[in-house]
Amino acid sequence: MSDQLSSAIQFAHDERNRFLSELINWLKIPSVSTDPDRQPDMAKTAEQLADKLRLIGCKNVQVFPTPRHPVVFGEILEAGDQAPTVLIYGHYDVQPPEPLAEWKSGAFEPSIRDEWLYARGASDMKGQVMASVFAVESIHRFGKLPVNIKFMIEGEEEIGSPSLTEFMRSHKELLACDVALNPDAGMIAPEIPTIIYSLRGLAYFELRVYGPEHDLHSGLFGGVVHNPAVVLADLISGMHDSEGRITLPGFYDSVRNLTHQERIELARLPLDDKYYLDRTGAPALWGEAGYTSNERVGARPTLDVNGLYSGFTGQGSKTVIPSWAMAKISMRLVPDQDHNDVHKQLLKYLEEKAPKTVRWELIPFSGGPASISDINTPATHALYKAMKAVWGKDPVYKREGGSVPVVADMQEILGIESVLTGFGLPDDCIHAPNEHLQLPVWYQGIDALIHFFMYYGSKS
């Protein structure tokens, strides 16, 4: 181990309490990107991050405005033209905290219980952003970094990154690099270091079904007027067949089949059905026939209902036929599927299946492509070596079920591959009440990123 590497690791260990305190202060800001009332908090979060980048030695730190929330940029270009440049991607926005009553402590009042830090954004992904920042800080305290570093931290990932593609297109020279480091993924388990090489894409819609002009008395009009809630339930139910396959016309036409080798690699993951049952609390698993749970989660497309609303939902009873019903519907897409095509497929399904007794409206919200990254790159090899140095075992490669559209956008716009990792865990309750971060794993993650930057810069 080089002197700079060993000094950086020791520094990171000595400064853990400060690192944690700084993360907690950042988590206190409710940077909910989808809430217009949180605009000042979004700006505050961005400015606080920009101040931190300046403190660790970044130059050209800028908070770039966009049509919604700003992008934070900073760079340390001391390694020279012959050294690789790493673009660190992340996001500082978080999901809404609701339902608030289910939080054991305030969503924006960080609480440490045992070895976990509870707060919205702790795992997804303010904790991952700060792990990257602290790793760079730890190395830079003891000399020049062996790689050039650029940060691009956005504030719109949780709403589909609507401003980021245009930002990258208009700042291609500023963002020029050899590889992107994206810690917005995660690990299979605390003791299993994980490198993600594939992500699913996303298509997200709101489906509204309209019936009568206003809510009706179910005794006076039941059996005469078609209930929009029932129609919506029928439409949703018909979107899967008895084998768990999605019934939208043409939905599977462009789905890339798993290769024999990929199925072998996915079968090697230490994730059996019990793993998924233990982490979900579901009474039984479900999914597309003919595929294992690991294949369904990372390599097959899905269609899910994310929310439903209609009629009276308060306590007690109220006998009405609701005037309308609504569902939030999302699809996770796999390589070669296009979210615009999926939009057309859903429209065709509704045109064929929706009865004439109602009106309906489909509102597209967001969409992004799936991605597969090349694992045979120097950066991926450096991360593999770094994780093995910290955890003492070989990392596993995994296709992830979640969506990070920026990975495919970077491939297209900047012409670069991404190295995907992260130190969140499957049971961190991201997007749910009581989101948390396991601190020992987070500290190991900082160490792993220090090793990564040092190894990637050494070219050995």
Protein backbone atom coordinates (compact mmCIF):
# COMPACT_ATOMS: atom_id res chain seq x y z
CA MET A 1 0.00 0.00 0.00
CA SER A 2 1.40 3.40 -0.99
CA ASP A 3 2.01 6.05 1.64
CA GLN A 4 -0.73 8.27 0.20
CA LEU A 5 -3.24 5.42 0.17
CA SER A 6 -2.47 4.33 3.73
CA SER A 7 -2.56 7.95 4.94
CA ALA A 8 -5.90 8.54 3.20
CA ILE A 9 -7.42 5.42 4.75
CA GLN A 10 -6.20 6.37 8.21
CA PHE A 11 -7.54 9.91 7.77
CA ALA A 12 -10.94 8.55 6.73
CA HIS A 13 -11.04 6.37 9.83
CA ASP A 14 -10.01 9.24 12.11
CA GLU A 15 -12.62 11.57 10.62
CA ARG A 16 -15.61 9.24 10.72
CA ASN A 17 -17.43 11.22 13.40
CA ARG A 18 -17.04 14.43 11.41
CA PHE A 19 -18.09 12.72 8.19
CA LEU A 20 -21.22 11.47 9.91
CA SER A 21 -22.00 14.88 11.38
CA GLU A 22 -21.70 16.55 7.98
CA LEU A 23 -23.94 13.95 6.39
CA ILE A 24 -26.55 14.44 9.14
CA ASN A 25 -26.59 18.21 8.57
CA TRP A 26 -27.17 17.67 4.85
CA LEU A 27 -29.94 15.16 5.51
CA LYS A 28 -31.83 17.70 7.60
CA ILE A 29 -32.67 19.71 4.47
CA PRO A 30 -35.93 18.41 2.92
CA SER A 31 -34.79 18.37 -0.71
CA VAL A 32 -37.96 16.83 -2.17
CA SER A 33 -37.71 17.62 -5.87
CA THR A 34 -41.32 16.82 -6.75
CA ASP A 35 -42.73 19.34 -4.23
CA PRO A 36 -42.87 22.94 -5.56
CA ASP A 37 -42.92 24.26 -1.99
CA ARG A 38 -39.46 22.77 -1.45
CA GLN A 39 -37.78 24.93 -4.10
CA PRO A 40 -35.85 26.97 -1.48
CA ASP A 41 -34.72 23.74 0.22
CA MET A 42 -33.49 22.37 -3.10
CA ALA A 43 -31.42 25.50 -3.66
CA LYS A 44 -30.07 25.34 -0.10
CA THR A 45 -29.05 21.70 -0.54
CA ALA A 46 -27.22 22.48 -3.76
CA GLU A 47 -25.40 25.45 -2.27
CA GLN A 48 -24.34 23.46 0.80
CA LEU A 49 -22.87 20.78 -1.46
CA ALA A 50 -21.08 23.40 -3.55
CA ASP A 51 -19.54 24.85 -0.38
CA LYS A 52 -18.32 21.38 0.61
CA LEU A 53 -16.72 20.82 -2.80
CA ARG A 54 -14.83 24.09 -2.43
CA LEU A 55 -13.62 23.04 1.02
CA ILE A 56 -12.12 19.79 -0.28
CA GLY A 57 -10.19 21.63 -2.98
CA CYS A 58 -12.49 21.60 -6.00
CA LYS A 59 -12.05 24.39 -8.53
CA ASN A 60 -14.56 25.87 -10.96
CA VAL A 61 -17.38 25.01 -8.58
CA GLN A 62 -20.68 26.11 -10.09
CA VAL A 63 -24.35 25.73 -9.30
CA PHE A 64 -25.90 25.62 -12.75
CA PRO A 65 -29.57 26.63 -12.95
CA THR A 66 -31.95 24.44 -14.95
CA PRO A 67 -35.69 24.79 -15.65
CA ARG A 68 -36.35 23.12 -12.29
CA HIS A 69 -33.47 22.33 -9.91
CA PRO A 70 -29.77 23.14 -10.23
CA VAL A 71 -26.84 20.90 -11.14
CA VAL A 72 -23.76 21.19 -8.91
CA PHE A 73 -20.38 20.93 -10.64
CA GLY A 74 -16.82 20.97 -9.36
CA GLU A 75 -13.46 19.60 -10.50
CA ILE A 76 -9.95 18.76 -9.36
CA LEU A 77 -7.72 18.53 -12.43
CA GLU A 78 -4.26 18.11 -10.93
CA ALA A 79 -3.27 14.68 -12.24
CA GLY A 80 -2.38 15.85 -15.73
CA ASP A 81 -3.51 15.00 -19.23
CA GLN A 82 -2.10 11.49 -19.13
CA ALA A 83 -4.19 10.48 -16.11
CA PRO A 84 -7.79 9.31 -16.48
CA THR A 85 -10.66 11.60 -15.59
CA VAL A 86 -13.54 10.30 -13.47
CA LEU A 87 -16.92 12.02 -13.57
CA ILE A 88 -18.70 11.36 -10.28
CA TYR A 89 -22.46 11.37 -10.77
CA GLY A 90 -25.06 11.61 -8.05
CA HIS A 91 -28.27 13.33 -7.01
CA TYR A 92 -29.17 15.37 -3.97
CA ASP A 93 -32.94 15.22 -4.30
CA VAL A 94 -35.01 12.74 -2.31
CA GLN A 95 -38.40 11.08 -2.44
CA PRO A 96 -41.39 12.52 -0.53
CA PRO A 97 -41.43 11.24 3.08
CA GLU A 98 -45.12 10.26 3.21
CA PRO A 99 -46.74 8.46 4.96
CA LEU A 100 -45.32 10.48 7.84
CA ALA A 101 -47.13 8.53 10.56
CA GLU A 102 -45.10 5.42 9.76
CA TRP A 103 -41.74 7.04 10.55
CA LYS A 104 -40.35 6.14 13.96
CA SER A 105 -38.45 9.44 13.94
CA GLY A 106 -38.80 12.51 11.74
CA ALA A 107 -37.93 11.92 8.08
CA PHE A 108 -35.72 15.03 8.14
CA GLU A 109 -34.65 14.65 11.75
CA PRO A 110 -31.79 12.15 11.36
CA SER A 111 -31.65 9.55 14.12
CA ILE A 112 -28.97 6.97 14.90
CA ARG A 113 -30.25 3.71 16.34
CA ASP A 114 -27.65 1.01 16.90
CA GLU A 115 -25.53 1.04 13.71
CA TRP A 116 -28.15 2.58 11.41
CA LEU A 117 -28.75 6.18 10.44
CA TYR A 118 -32.45 6.88 9.79
CA ALA A 119 -33.52 9.76 7.52
CA ARG A 120 -34.96 10.35 4.09
CA GLY A 121 -32.05 10.34 1.65
CA ALA A 122 -29.64 8.56 4.00
CA SER A 123 -29.26 5.66 1.57
CA ASP A 124 -30.76 7.13 -1.63
CA MET A 125 -28.54 8.88 -2.20
CA LYS A 126 -27.12 11.67 -0.08
CA GLY A 127 -25.09 9.12 1.85
CA GLN A 128 -23.58 7.78 -1.38
CA VAL A 129 -22.77 11.28 -2.67
CA MET A 130 -20.99 12.16 0.55
CA ALA A 131 -19.08 8.86 0.54
CA SER A 132 -17.61 9.95 -2.80
CA VAL A 133 -16.86 13.45 -1.52
CA PHE A 134 -15.18 12.16 1.64
CA ALA A 135 -13.09 9.66 -0.35
CA VAL A 136 -11.78 12.45 -2.58
CA GLU A 137 -11.15 14.65 0.46
CA SER A 138 -9.20 11.90 2.22
CA ILE A 139 -6.82 11.38 -0.69
CA HIS A 140 -6.43 15.08 -1.48
CA ARG A 141 -5.30 15.84 2.08
CA PHE A 142 -2.03 14.02 1.32
CA GLY A 143 -1.15 15.25 -2.14
CA LYS A 144 -2.43 15.32 -5.66
CA LEU A 145 -5.08 12.87 -6.68
CA PRO A 146 -3.86 10.15 -9.07
CA VAL A 147 -6.91 10.79 -11.28
CA ASN A 148 -8.69 13.91 -12.40
CA ILE A 149 -12.07 14.34 -10.76
CA LYS A 150 -15.27 16.02 -11.89
CA PHE A 151 -18.52 16.10 -9.91
CA MET A 152 -21.93 16.35 -11.55
CA ILE A 153 -24.63 16.15 -8.87
CA GLU A 154 -28.19 16.82 -10.03
CA GLY A 155 -31.42 17.62 -8.21
CA GLU A 156 -34.02 15.92 -10.39
CA GLU A 157 -33.26 12.19 -10.42
CA GLU A 158 -36.31 11.30 -8.36
CA ILE A 159 -38.56 12.98 -10.94
CA GLY A 160 -36.89 11.44 -13.99
CA SER A 161 -33.97 13.88 -14.56
CA PRO A 162 -35.90 16.06 -17.05
CA SER A 163 -33.16 18.71 -17.26
CA LEU A 164 -30.06 16.55 -17.20
CA THR A 165 -29.84 15.39 -20.82
CA GLU A 166 -29.94 18.95 -22.11
CA PHE A 167 -27.40 19.99 -19.47
CA MET A 168 -25.02 17.25 -20.64
CA ARG A 169 -25.53 18.11 -24.31
CA SER A 170 -24.79 21.80 -23.70
CA HIS A 171 -21.77 21.10 -21.43
CA LYS A 172 -20.08 18.20 -23.22
CA GLU A 173 -16.64 19.82 -23.12
CA LEU A 174 -16.93 20.66 -19.43
CA LEU A 175 -17.96 17.08 -18.64
CA ALA A 176 -15.39 15.36 -20.86
CA CYS A 177 -14.00 12.33 -19.03
CA ASP A 178 -12.92 8.72 -19.39
CA VAL A 179 -15.51 7.07 -17.17
CA ALA A 180 -18.39 7.89 -14.85
CA LEU A 181 -18.49 6.65 -11.28
CA ASN A 182 -22.12 6.20 -10.28
CA PRO A 183 -22.69 5.11 -6.67
CA ASP A 184 -26.48 5.15 -7.06
CA ALA A 185 -26.68 1.36 -7.01
CA GLY A 186 -26.16 -0.85 -3.98
CA MET A 187 -24.97 -4.10 -2.43
CA ILE A 188 -26.67 -7.45 -2.13
CA ALA A 189 -25.77 -7.77 1.55
CA PRO A 190 -23.38 -6.11 4.03
CA GLU A 191 -20.74 -8.78 3.48
CA ILE A 192 -21.11 -9.08 -0.33
CA PRO A 193 -19.45 -6.26 -2.32
CA THR A 194 -21.41 -5.73 -5.51
CA ILE A 195 -20.78 -4.22 -8.93
CA ILE A 196 -23.87 -3.48 -11.01
CA TYR A 197 -23.45 -3.88 -14.76
CA SER A 198 -27.03 -3.48 -15.99
CA LEU A 199 -30.03 -1.34 -15.06
CA ARG A 200 -33.60 -1.48 -16.17
CA GLY A 201 -35.28 1.48 -17.81
CA LEU A 202 -38.54 3.10 -16.78
CA ALA A 203 -41.87 4.16 -18.23
CA TYR A 204 -44.27 5.90 -15.81
CA PHE A 205 -47.89 6.88 -16.42
CA GLU A 206 -51.05 8.06 -14.72
CA LEU A 207 -54.25 6.44 -15.97
CA ARG A 208 -57.52 8.23 -15.25
CA VAL A 209 -60.94 6.73 -15.85
CA TYR A 210 -64.00 9.04 -15.86
CA GLY A 211 -67.66 8.04 -15.46
CA PRO A 212 -70.53 10.25 -14.27
CA GLU A 213 -70.12 14.01 -13.92
CA HIS A 214 -70.09 13.71 -10.11
CA ASP A 215 -70.23 11.05 -7.42
CA LEU A 216 -73.57 9.23 -7.41
CA HIS A 217 -75.70 7.55 -4.76
CA SER A 218 -74.97 3.85 -5.23
CA GLY A 219 -78.50 2.88 -4.25
CA LEU A 220 -80.14 5.15 -6.81
CA PHE A 221 -77.73 4.56 -9.68
CA GLY A 222 -75.92 1.28 -8.94
CA GLY A 223 -76.48 -1.17 -11.79
CA VAL A 224 -77.20 1.66 -14.25
CA VAL A 225 -73.90 3.59 -14.37
CA HIS A 226 -70.61 1.78 -14.87
CA ASN A 227 -68.37 2.35 -11.86
CA PRO A 228 -65.01 3.89 -12.95
CA ALA A 229 -63.22 2.17 -10.05
CA VAL A 230 -64.44 -1.22 -11.24
CA VAL A 231 -63.46 -0.43 -14.84
CA LEU A 232 -59.99 0.62 -13.72
CA ALA A 233 -59.60 -2.55 -11.67
CA ASP A 234 -60.64 -4.65 -14.67
CA LEU A 235 -58.17 -2.84 -16.95
CA ILE A 236 -55.31 -3.30 -14.50
CA SER A 237 -56.16 -6.94 -13.89
CA GLY A 238 -56.02 -7.62 -17.61
CA MET A 239 -52.50 -6.23 -17.98
CA HIS A 240 -51.08 -9.61 -16.86
CA ASP A 241 -52.06 -13.09 -17.92
CA SER A 242 -52.17 -16.20 -15.72
CA GLU A 243 -48.45 -16.81 -16.37
CA GLY A 244 -47.42 -13.37 -15.12
CA ARG A 245 -46.72 -12.10 -18.63
CA ILE A 246 -47.65 -8.55 -19.60
CA THR A 247 -50.45 -8.43 -22.16
CA LEU A 248 -49.82 -5.06 -23.80
CA PRO A 249 -49.72 -5.61 -27.59
CA GLY A 250 -46.12 -5.99 -28.79
CA PHE A 251 -44.66 -5.48 -25.30
CA TYR A 252 -42.06 -8.25 -25.66
CA ASP A 253 -41.21 -7.67 -29.34
CA SER A 254 -37.92 -5.87 -28.61
CA VAL A 255 -37.00 -7.53 -25.31
CA ARG A 256 -33.44 -8.84 -25.43
CA ASN A 257 -33.28 -12.49 -24.45
CA LEU A 258 -30.93 -13.64 -21.74
CA THR A 259 -27.91 -15.51 -23.03
CA HIS A 260 -27.00 -18.90 -21.64
CA GLN A 261 -23.91 -17.40 -20.01
CA GLU A 262 -25.92 -14.64 -18.34
CA ARG A 263 -28.32 -17.15 -16.87
CA ILE A 264 -25.36 -19.07 -15.49
CA GLU A 265 -23.88 -15.91 -13.92
CA LEU A 266 -27.21 -14.86 -12.44
CA ALA A 267 -27.66 -18.33 -10.99
CA ARG A 268 -24.33 -17.92 -9.18
CA LEU A 269 -25.61 -14.95 -7.16
CA PRO A 270 -26.12 -15.88 -3.49
CA LEU A 271 -29.78 -14.85 -3.68
CA ASP A 272 -32.38 -17.58 -3.42
CA ASP A 273 -36.13 -17.27 -3.04
CA LYS A 274 -35.79 -17.19 0.75
CA TYR A 275 -33.63 -14.07 0.40
CA TYR A 276 -36.47 -12.22 -1.33
CA LEU A 277 -39.09 -13.54 1.09
CA ASP A 278 -37.06 -12.52 4.13
CA ARG A 279 -36.53 -8.99 2.84
CA THR A 280 -40.05 -8.33 1.68
CA GLY A 281 -42.22 -10.08 4.24
CA ALA A 282 -44.43 -11.31 1.40
CA PRO A 283 -46.24 -14.62 2.00
CA ALA A 284 -45.05 -16.00 -1.34
CA LEU A 285 -43.19 -14.88 -4.45
CA TRP A 286 -44.83 -14.17 -7.80
CA GLY A 287 -43.64 -13.42 -11.30
CA GLU A 288 -43.29 -14.33 -14.94
CA ALA A 289 -43.27 -18.07 -15.51
CA GLY A 290 -40.08 -19.65 -16.82
CA TYR A 291 -37.64 -17.34 -15.04
CA THR A 292 -35.89 -17.36 -11.67
CA SER A 293 -36.35 -14.59 -9.13
CA ASN A 294 -32.92 -13.15 -9.96
CA GLU A 295 -33.78 -13.09 -13.65
CA ARG A 296 -37.16 -11.47 -13.04
CA VAL A 297 -35.67 -8.75 -10.83
CA GLY A 298 -32.87 -7.65 -13.12
CA ALA A 299 -33.34 -8.98 -16.63
CA ARG A 300 -37.08 -9.13 -17.38
CA PRO A 301 -39.52 -6.23 -17.85
CA THR A 302 -42.31 -5.61 -15.36
CA LEU A 303 -45.55 -3.66 -14.99
CA ASP A 304 -46.66 -2.47 -11.56
CA VAL A 305 -49.33 -0.30 -10.00
CA ASN A 306 -47.71 2.28 -7.74
CA GLY A 307 -50.86 3.89 -6.43
CA LEU A 308 -54.67 3.80 -6.67
CA TYR A 309 -57.34 6.33 -5.81
CA SER A 310 -61.09 6.54 -6.23
CA GLY A 311 -64.19 7.53 -4.34
CA PHE A 312 -64.52 7.65 -0.57
CA THR A 313 -61.42 6.53 1.37
CA GLY A 314 -62.10 8.01 4.79
CA GLN A 315 -63.13 6.20 7.96
CA GLY A 316 -66.55 4.65 8.10
CA SER A 317 -68.84 4.19 5.10
CA LYS A 318 -70.18 6.34 2.30
CA THR A 319 -72.16 4.62 -0.45
CA VAL A 320 -71.16 6.31 -3.69
CA ILE A 321 -70.32 5.47 -7.26
CA PRO A 322 -67.19 7.60 -7.75
CA SER A 323 -67.05 9.92 -10.71
CA TRP A 324 -63.47 8.97 -11.50
CA ALA A 325 -60.63 6.62 -10.63
CA MET A 326 -56.87 6.92 -11.01
CA ALA A 327 -53.87 4.62 -11.03
CA LYS A 328 -50.14 5.29 -11.17
CA ILE A 329 -48.55 2.66 -13.41
CA SER A 330 -44.88 2.03 -14.05
CA MET A 331 -42.96 -0.41 -16.22
CA ARG A 332 -39.36 -1.44 -15.66
CA LEU A 333 -37.80 -1.96 -19.07
CA VAL A 334 -34.86 -4.06 -20.26
CA PRO A 335 -32.27 -3.41 -23.00
CA ASP A 336 -33.71 -2.64 -26.45
CA GLN A 337 -37.12 -1.61 -25.10
CA ASP A 338 -38.07 2.03 -25.73
CA HIS A 339 -40.34 3.88 -23.32
CA ASN A 340 -41.99 5.73 -26.22
CA ASP A 341 -42.92 2.39 -27.79
CA VAL A 342 -44.28 1.21 -24.44
CA HIS A 343 -46.45 4.33 -24.29
CA LYS A 344 -47.96 3.38 -27.67
CA GLN A 345 -48.46 -0.22 -26.52
CA LEU A 346 -50.32 0.90 -23.41
CA LEU A 347 -52.48 3.23 -25.48
CA LYS A 348 -53.34 0.40 -27.86
CA TYR A 349 -54.26 -1.87 -24.95
CA LEU A 350 -56.60 0.76 -23.52
CA GLU A 351 -58.18 1.48 -26.89
CA GLU A 352 -58.92 -2.23 -27.27
CA LYS A 353 -60.00 -3.02 -23.71
CA ALA A 354 -61.63 0.08 -22.21
CA PRO A 355 -65.46 -0.04 -22.42
CA LYS A 356 -67.46 2.74 -24.05
CA THR A 357 -69.25 3.37 -20.74
CA VAL A 358 -66.34 5.49 -19.51
CA ARG A 359 -63.84 8.01 -20.75
CA TRP A 360 -60.14 7.60 -20.03
CA GLU A 361 -56.96 9.63 -20.14
CA LEU A 362 -53.34 8.42 -20.09
CA ILE A 363 -50.74 10.90 -18.85
CA PRO A 364 -47.06 10.03 -19.44
CA PHE A 365 -44.81 11.29 -16.65
CA SER A 366 -41.29 10.01 -17.24
CA GLY A 367 -39.31 7.46 -19.14
CA GLY A 368 -35.77 6.31 -19.67
CA PRO A 369 -33.86 3.52 -21.37
CA ALA A 370 -32.25 0.48 -19.84
CA SER A 371 -28.48 0.09 -19.96
CA ILE A 372 -25.75 -2.53 -19.94
CA SER A 373 -22.18 -1.51 -19.12
CA ASP A 374 -18.98 -3.20 -20.22
CA ILE A 375 -17.38 -4.90 -17.22
CA ASN A 376 -14.06 -5.39 -19.03
CA THR A 377 -12.77 -1.86 -18.54
CA PRO A 378 -9.82 -0.58 -16.48
CA ALA A 379 -12.19 1.35 -14.22
CA THR A 380 -14.31 -1.71 -13.46
CA HIS A 381 -11.19 -3.78 -12.81
CA ALA A 382 -9.98 -1.05 -10.41
CA LEU A 383 -13.28 -1.08 -8.54
CA TYR A 384 -13.23 -4.87 -8.35
CA LYS A 385 -9.73 -4.75 -6.86
CA ALA A 386 -10.73 -1.95 -4.46
CA MET A 387 -13.75 -3.80 -3.12
CA LYS A 388 -11.76 -6.97 -2.68
CA ALA A 389 -9.13 -5.04 -0.71
CA VAL A 390 -11.76 -3.70 1.71
CA TRP A 391 -14.11 -6.67 2.08
CA GLY A 392 -11.50 -9.39 1.63
CA LYS A 393 -13.53 -11.29 -0.97
CA ASP A 394 -14.30 -11.15 -4.68
CA PRO A 395 -17.22 -8.85 -5.57
CA VAL A 396 -20.20 -10.20 -7.49
CA TYR A 397 -21.63 -8.77 -10.71
CA LYS A 398 -25.37 -8.16 -10.78
CA ARG A 399 -28.07 -6.91 -13.11
CA GLU A 400 -30.09 -4.42 -11.06
CA GLY A 401 -33.84 -4.07 -11.24
CA GLY A 402 -33.93 -0.33 -10.61
CA SER A 403 -33.59 2.48 -13.10
CA VAL A 404 -30.85 5.09 -13.44
CA PRO A 405 -31.53 6.54 -16.91
CA VAL A 406 -28.47 8.78 -16.77
CA VAL A 407 -26.26 5.72 -17.42
CA ALA A 408 -27.69 5.23 -20.91
CA ASP A 409 -27.76 9.00 -21.45
CA MET A 410 -24.06 9.21 -20.66
CA GLN A 411 -23.33 6.42 -23.11
CA GLU A 412 -25.19 8.31 -25.83
CA ILE A 413 -24.27 11.93 -25.08
CA LEU A 414 -20.80 11.76 -23.49
CA GLY A 415 -19.68 8.48 -25.06
CA ILE A 416 -18.59 6.97 -21.75
CA GLU A 417 -19.25 3.84 -19.73
CA SER A 418 -20.28 3.97 -16.10
CA VAL A 419 -18.97 2.04 -13.15
CA LEU A 420 -21.95 1.36 -10.91
CA THR A 421 -21.70 0.65 -7.24
CA GLY A 422 -23.08 1.94 -3.97
CA PHE A 423 -23.26 1.02 -0.32
CA GLY A 424 -26.96 0.90 0.30
CA LEU A 425 -28.67 -2.40 1.08
CA PRO A 426 -31.91 -4.00 -0.16
CA ASP A 427 -33.63 -3.51 3.20
CA ASP A 428 -32.70 0.18 3.57
CA CYS A 429 -36.35 1.15 2.98
CA ILE A 430 -35.51 3.61 0.23
CA HIS A 431 -38.62 5.41 -1.08
CA ALA A 432 -40.42 4.21 2.07
CA PRO A 433 -40.81 5.29 5.71
CA ASN A 434 -37.79 4.70 7.97
CA GLU A 435 -35.18 4.82 5.21
CA HIS A 436 -31.82 4.07 6.75
CA LEU A 437 -28.13 3.58 6.08
CA GLN A 438 -25.97 0.92 7.75
CA LEU A 439 -23.02 2.97 8.97
CA PRO A 440 -20.33 0.24 9.09
CA VAL A 441 -21.02 -0.55 5.42
CA TRP A 442 -20.98 3.15 4.57
CA TYR A 443 -17.57 3.56 6.19
CA GLN A 444 -16.29 0.55 4.23
CA GLY A 445 -17.68 2.19 1.11
CA ILE A 446 -15.61 5.32 1.71
CA ASP A 447 -12.53 3.11 2.07
CA ALA A 448 -13.40 1.25 -1.13
CA LEU A 449 -13.74 4.49 -3.11
CA ILE A 450 -10.37 5.68 -1.79
CA HIS A 451 -8.84 2.44 -3.04
CA PHE A 452 -10.69 2.79 -6.36
CA PHE A 453 -9.33 6.25 -7.14
CA MET A 454 -5.82 5.20 -6.16
CA TYR A 455 -5.91 1.92 -8.12
CA TYR A 456 -7.47 3.46 -11.22
CA GLY A 457 -4.85 6.20 -11.23
CA SER A 458 -1.96 3.77 -10.78
CA LYS A 459 -2.79 1.86 -14.02
CA SER A 460 -1.61 -1.33 -12.37
